[in-house]
């Protein structure tokens, strides 16, 4: 991405049927986003967002 621009993206989290996350009402999770930079310029940012995954009963 060019400097001073943003990118919007969606992340979809799934769990296999019968797995612990799928069977629980909710599972706490953290999503990390990292700027990995380029060959010429290393990345400098890493951020996280705490969220939940709603399972079978959620």
PDB file of N, CA and C in Angstrom:
ATOM      1  N   UNK A   1       0.845  -1.171   0.000  1.00  0.00           N
ATOM      2  CA  UNK A   1       0.000   0.000   0.000  1.00  0.00           C
ATOM      3  C   UNK A   1       0.889   1.231   0.000  1.00  0.00           C
ATOM      4  N   UNK A   2       0.500   2.233  -0.750  1.00  0.00           N
ATOM      5  CA  UNK A   2       1.219   3.503  -0.688  1.00  0.00           C
ATOM      6  C   UNK A   2       1.084   4.134   0.697  1.00  0.00           C
ATOM      7  N   UNK A   3       2.009   4.990   1.049  1.00  0.00           N
ATOM      8  CA  UNK A   3       1.956   5.681   2.343  1.00  0.00           C
ATOM      9  C   UNK A   3       0.663   6.467   2.490  1.00  0.00           C
ATOM     10  N   UNK A   4       0.207   6.604   3.715  1.00  0.00           N
ATOM     11  CA  UNK A   4      -0.988   7.383   4.062  1.00  0.00           C
ATOM     12  C   UNK A   4      -2.274   6.853   3.439  1.00  0.00           C
ATOM     13  N   UNK A   5      -2.323   5.566   3.167  1.00  0.00           N
ATOM     14  CA  UNK A   5      -3.546   4.935   2.692  1.00  0.00           C
ATOM     15  C   UNK A   5      -3.889   3.790   3.627  1.00  0.00           C
ATOM     16  N   UNK A   6      -5.144   3.406   3.632  1.00  0.00           N
ATOM     17  CA  UNK A   6      -5.575   2.312   4.497  1.00  0.00           C
ATOM     18  C   UNK A   6      -6.188   1.203   3.655  1.00  0.00           C
ATOM     19  N   UNK A   7      -6.274   0.044   4.258  1.00  0.00           N
ATOM     20  CA  UNK A   7      -6.876  -1.113   3.618  1.00  0.00           C
ATOM     21  C   UNK A   7      -7.904  -1.686   4.578  1.00  0.00           C
ATOM     22  N   UNK A   8      -9.107  -1.891   4.104  1.00  0.00           N
ATOM     23  CA  UNK A   8     -10.131  -2.560   4.900  1.00  0.00           C
ATOM     24  C   UNK A   8     -10.176  -4.021   4.483  1.00  0.00           C
ATOM     25  N   UNK A   9     -10.262  -4.885   5.467  1.00  0.00           N
ATOM     26  CA  UNK A   9     -10.315  -6.321   5.180  1.00  0.00           C
ATOM     27  C   UNK A   9     -11.226  -6.987   6.195  1.00  0.00           C
ATOM     28  N   UNK A  10     -11.827  -8.082   5.809  1.00  0.00           N
ATOM     29  CA  UNK A  10     -12.650  -8.877   6.713  1.00  0.00           C
ATOM     30  C   UNK A  10     -11.920 -10.169   7.033  1.00  0.00           C
ATOM     31  N   UNK A  11     -12.070 -10.622   8.257  1.00  0.00           N
ATOM     32  CA  UNK A  11     -11.487 -11.880   8.689  1.00  0.00           C
ATOM     33  C   UNK A  11     -12.629 -12.768   9.155  1.00  0.00           C
ATOM     34  N   UNK A  12     -12.707 -13.958   8.610  1.00  0.00           N
ATOM     35  CA  UNK A  12     -13.737 -14.909   9.006  1.00  0.00           C
ATOM     36  C   UNK A  12     -13.060 -16.068   9.732  1.00  0.00           C
ATOM     37  N   UNK A  13     -13.476 -16.308  10.953  1.00  0.00           N
ATOM     38  CA  UNK A  13     -12.912 -17.376  11.763  1.00  0.00           C
ATOM     39  C   UNK A  13     -13.922 -18.517  11.794  1.00  0.00           C
ATOM     40  N   UNK A  14     -13.464 -19.715  11.485  1.00  0.00           N
ATOM     41  CA  UNK A  14     -14.329 -20.894  11.513  1.00  0.00           C
ATOM     42  C   UNK A  14     -13.718 -21.942  12.426  1.00  0.00           C
ATOM     43  N   UNK A  15     -14.546 -22.872  12.850  1.00  0.00           N
ATOM     44  CA  UNK A  15     -14.073 -23.983  13.666  1.00  0.00           C
ATOM     45  C   UNK A  15     -14.674 -25.269  13.119  1.00  0.00           C
ATOM     46  N   UNK A  16     -13.899 -26.331  13.062  1.00  0.00           N
ATOM     47  CA  UNK A  16     -14.430 -27.608  12.571  1.00  0.00           C
ATOM     48  C   UNK A  16     -15.582 -28.095  13.454  1.00  0.00           C
ATOM     49  N   UNK A  17     -16.586 -28.685  12.842  1.00  0.00           N
ATOM     50  CA  UNK A  17     -17.712 -29.243  13.591  1.00  0.00           C
ATOM     51  C   UNK A  17     -17.192 -30.222  14.638  1.00  0.00           C
ATOM     52  N   UNK A  18     -17.727 -30.117  15.833  1.00  0.00           N
ATOM     53  CA  UNK A  18     -17.334 -31.011  16.909  1.00  0.00           C
ATOM     54  C   UNK A  18     -16.100 -30.574  17.677  1.00  0.00           C
ATOM     55  N   UNK A  19     -15.399 -29.540  17.208  1.00  0.00           N
ATOM     56  CA  UNK A  19     -14.208 -29.073  17.924  1.00  0.00           C
ATOM     57  C   UNK A  19     -14.629 -28.329  19.188  1.00  0.00           C
ATOM     58  N   UNK A  20     -13.687 -28.140  20.092  1.00  0.00           N
ATOM     59  CA  UNK A  20     -13.992 -27.450  21.352  1.00  0.00           C
ATOM     60  C   UNK A  20     -14.549 -26.050  21.094  1.00  0.00           C
ATOM     61  N   UNK A  21     -13.951 -25.302  20.181  1.00  0.00           N
ATOM     62  CA  UNK A  21     -14.420 -23.942  19.903  1.00  0.00           C
ATOM     63  C   UNK A  21     -15.832 -23.940  19.331  1.00  0.00           C
ATOM     64  N   UNK A  22     -16.149 -24.917  18.498  1.00  0.00           N
ATOM     65  CA  UNK A  22     -17.480 -24.983  17.898  1.00  0.00           C
ATOM     66  C   UNK A  22     -18.538 -25.373  18.932  1.00  0.00           C
ATOM     67  N   UNK A  23     -18.168 -26.196  19.890  1.00  0.00           N
ATOM     68  CA  UNK A  23     -19.123 -26.688  20.887  1.00  0.00           C
ATOM     69  C   UNK A  23     -19.339 -25.720  22.044  1.00  0.00           C
ATOM     70  N   UNK A  24     -18.356 -24.888  22.336  1.00  0.00           N
ATOM     71  CA  UNK A  24     -18.491 -23.924  23.431  1.00  0.00           C
ATOM     72  C   UNK A  24     -19.403 -22.780  23.021  1.00  0.00           C
ATOM     73  N   UNK A  25     -20.010 -22.132  24.012  1.00  0.00           N
ATOM     74  CA  UNK A  25     -20.831 -20.952  23.727  1.00  0.00           C
ATOM     75  C   UNK A  25     -19.966 -19.829  23.179  1.00  0.00           C
ATOM     76  N   UNK A  26     -18.794 -19.623  23.778  1.00  0.00           N
ATOM     77  CA  UNK A  26     -17.875 -18.585  23.294  1.00  0.00           C
ATOM     78  C   UNK A  26     -16.450 -18.958  23.626  1.00  0.00           C
ATOM     79  N   UNK A  27     -15.535 -18.503  22.791  1.00  0.00           N
ATOM     80  CA  UNK A  27     -14.112 -18.715  22.999  1.00  0.00           C
ATOM     81  C   UNK A  27     -13.412 -17.380  22.870  1.00  0.00           C
ATOM     82  N   UNK A  28     -12.691 -16.954  23.910  1.00  0.00           N
ATOM     83  CA  UNK A  28     -11.914 -15.721  23.832  1.00  0.00           C
ATOM     84  C   UNK A  28     -10.765 -15.914  22.852  1.00  0.00           C
ATOM     85  N   UNK A  29     -10.464 -14.881  22.079  1.00  0.00           N
ATOM     86  CA  UNK A  29      -9.359 -14.961  21.134  1.00  0.00           C
ATOM     87  C   UNK A  29      -8.770 -13.579  20.888  1.00  0.00           C
ATOM     88  N   UNK A  30      -7.555 -13.554  20.395  1.00  0.00           N
ATOM     89  CA  UNK A  30      -6.872 -12.307  20.040  1.00  0.00           C
ATOM     90  C   UNK A  30      -6.449 -12.392  18.588  1.00  0.00           C
ATOM     91  N   UNK A  31      -6.756 -11.354  17.836  1.00  0.00           N
ATOM     92  CA  UNK A  31      -6.335 -11.250  16.433  1.00  0.00           C
ATOM     93  C   UNK A  31      -5.176 -10.257  16.372  1.00  0.00           C
ATOM     94  N   UNK A  32      -4.079 -10.692  15.790  1.00  0.00           N
ATOM     95  CA  UNK A  32      -2.902  -9.837  15.630  1.00  0.00           C
ATOM     96  C   UNK A  32      -2.752  -9.428  14.163  1.00  0.00           C
ATOM     97  N   UNK A  33      -2.449  -8.157  13.933  1.00  0.00           N
ATOM     98  CA  UNK A  33      -2.163  -7.621  12.594  1.00  0.00           C
ATOM     99  C   UNK A  33      -0.748  -7.045  12.635  1.00  0.00           C
ATOM    100  N   UNK A  34       0.068  -7.436  11.658  1.00  0.00           N
ATOM    101  CA  UNK A  34       1.460  -7.003  11.651  1.00  0.00           C
ATOM    102  C   UNK A  34       1.852  -6.434  10.298  1.00  0.00           C
ATOM    103  N   UNK A  35       2.531  -5.289  10.335  1.00  0.00           N
ATOM    104  CA  UNK A  35       3.121  -4.707   9.128  1.00  0.00           C
ATOM    105  C   UNK A  35       4.467  -5.389   8.926  1.00  0.00           C
ATOM    106  N   UNK A  36       4.560  -6.241   7.911  1.00  0.00           N
ATOM    107  CA  UNK A  36       5.805  -6.965   7.678  1.00  0.00           C
ATOM    108  C   UNK A  36       6.781  -6.197   6.798  1.00  0.00           C
ATOM    109  N   UNK A  37       6.373  -5.031   6.314  1.00  0.00           N
ATOM    110  CA  UNK A  37       7.273  -4.203   5.533  1.00  0.00           C
ATOM    111  C   UNK A  37       7.558  -4.775   4.149  1.00  0.00           C
ATOM    112  N   UNK A  38       8.673  -4.339   3.597  1.00  0.00           N
ATOM    113  CA  UNK A  38       9.112  -4.775   2.268  1.00  0.00           C
ATOM    114  C   UNK A  38      10.585  -5.157   2.341  1.00  0.00           C
ATOM    115  N   UNK A  39      11.155  -5.574   1.224  1.00  0.00           N
ATOM    116  CA  UNK A  39      12.588  -5.871   1.203  1.00  0.00           C
ATOM    117  C   UNK A  39      13.412  -4.626   1.533  1.00  0.00           C
ATOM    118  N   UNK A  40      12.924  -3.455   1.113  1.00  0.00           N
ATOM    119  CA  UNK A  40      13.665  -2.212   1.312  1.00  0.00           C
ATOM    120  C   UNK A  40      13.386  -1.557   2.660  1.00  0.00           C
ATOM    121  N   UNK A  41      12.206  -1.785   3.224  1.00  0.00           N
ATOM    122  CA  UNK A  41      11.811  -1.101   4.464  1.00  0.00           C
ATOM    123  C   UNK A  41      11.142  -2.099   5.408  1.00  0.00           C
ATOM    124  N   UNK A  42      11.740  -2.371   6.564  1.00  0.00           N
ATOM    125  CA  UNK A  42      11.122  -3.316   7.486  1.00  0.00           C
ATOM    126  C   UNK A  42       9.815  -2.759   8.065  1.00  0.00           C
ATOM    127  N   UNK A  43       8.933  -3.650   8.444  1.00  0.00           N
ATOM    128  CA  UNK A  43       7.693  -3.239   9.065  1.00  0.00           C
ATOM    129  C   UNK A  43       7.926  -2.670  10.453  1.00  0.00           C
ATOM    130  N   UNK A  44       7.006  -1.839  10.901  1.00  0.00           N
ATOM    131  CA  UNK A  44       7.208  -1.167  12.185  1.00  0.00           C
ATOM    132  C   UNK A  44       6.024  -1.306  13.134  1.00  0.00           C
ATOM    133  N   UNK A  45       4.899  -1.806  12.659  1.00  0.00           N
ATOM    134  CA  UNK A  45       3.698  -1.810  13.485  1.00  0.00           C
ATOM    135  C   UNK A  45       3.159  -3.215  13.712  1.00  0.00           C
ATOM    136  N   UNK A  46       2.608  -3.415  14.906  1.00  0.00           N
ATOM    137  CA  UNK A  46       1.908  -4.646  15.246  1.00  0.00           C
ATOM    138  C   UNK A  46       0.806  -4.258  16.230  1.00  0.00           C
ATOM    139  N   UNK A  47      -0.409  -4.633  15.923  1.00  0.00           N
ATOM    140  CA  UNK A  47      -1.541  -4.297  16.789  1.00  0.00           C
ATOM    141  C   UNK A  47      -2.361  -5.550  17.041  1.00  0.00           C
ATOM    142  N   UNK A  48      -3.168  -5.513  18.112  1.00  0.00           N
ATOM    143  CA  UNK A  48      -4.009  -6.660  18.421  1.00  0.00           C
ATOM    144  C   UNK A  48      -5.408  -6.196  18.755  1.00  0.00           C
ATOM    145  N   UNK A  49      -6.352  -7.113  18.591  1.00  0.00           N
ATOM    146  CA  UNK A  49      -7.747  -6.863  18.949  1.00  0.00           C
ATOM    147  C   UNK A  49      -8.256  -8.096  19.674  1.00  0.00           C
ATOM    148  N   UNK A  50      -8.640  -7.925  20.936  1.00  0.00           N
ATOM    149  CA  UNK A  50      -9.268  -9.014  21.685  1.00  0.00           C
ATOM    150  C   UNK A  50     -10.725  -9.110  21.252  1.00  0.00           C
ATOM    151  N   UNK A  51     -11.200 -10.317  21.044  1.00  0.00           N
ATOM    152  CA  UNK A  51     -12.565 -10.532  20.575  1.00  0.00           C
ATOM    153  C   UNK A  51     -13.035 -11.909  21.041  1.00  0.00           C
ATOM    154  N   UNK A  52     -14.185 -12.345  20.584  1.00  0.00           N
ATOM    155  CA  UNK A  52     -14.684 -13.665  20.931  1.00  0.00           C
ATOM    156  C   UNK A  52     -15.134 -14.394  19.677  1.00  0.00           C
ATOM    157  N   UNK A  53     -15.128 -15.702  19.759  1.00  0.00           N
ATOM    158  CA  UNK A  53     -15.699 -16.570  18.724  1.00  0.00           C
ATOM    159  C   UNK A  53     -16.951 -17.162  19.336  1.00  0.00           C
ATOM    160  N   UNK A  54     -18.094 -16.948  18.682  1.00  0.00           N
ATOM    161  CA  UNK A  54     -19.357 -17.507  19.155  1.00  0.00           C
ATOM    162  C   UNK A  54     -19.543 -18.893  18.565  1.00  0.00           C
ATOM    163  N   UNK A  55     -19.647 -19.888  19.447  1.00  0.00           N
ATOM    164  CA  UNK A  55     -19.804 -21.271  19.016  1.00  0.00           C
ATOM    165  C   UNK A  55     -21.257 -21.676  18.925  1.00  0.00           C
ATOM    166  N   UNK A  56     -21.490 -22.946  19.109  1.00  0.00           N
ATOM    167  CA  UNK A  56     -22.789 -23.581  18.906  1.00  0.00           C
ATOM    168  C   UNK A  56     -23.945 -22.912  19.638  1.00  0.00           C
ATOM    169  N   UNK A  57     -23.731 -22.546  20.873  1.00  0.00           N
ATOM    170  CA  UNK A  57     -24.795 -21.969  21.667  1.00  0.00           C
ATOM    171  C   UNK A  57     -24.783 -20.445  21.689  1.00  0.00           C
ATOM    172  N   UNK A  58     -23.870 -19.833  20.891  1.00  0.00           N
ATOM    173  CA  UNK A  58     -23.701 -18.385  20.932  1.00  0.00           C
ATOM    174  C   UNK A  58     -24.663 -17.605  20.098  1.00  0.00           C
TER     175      UNK A  58
END
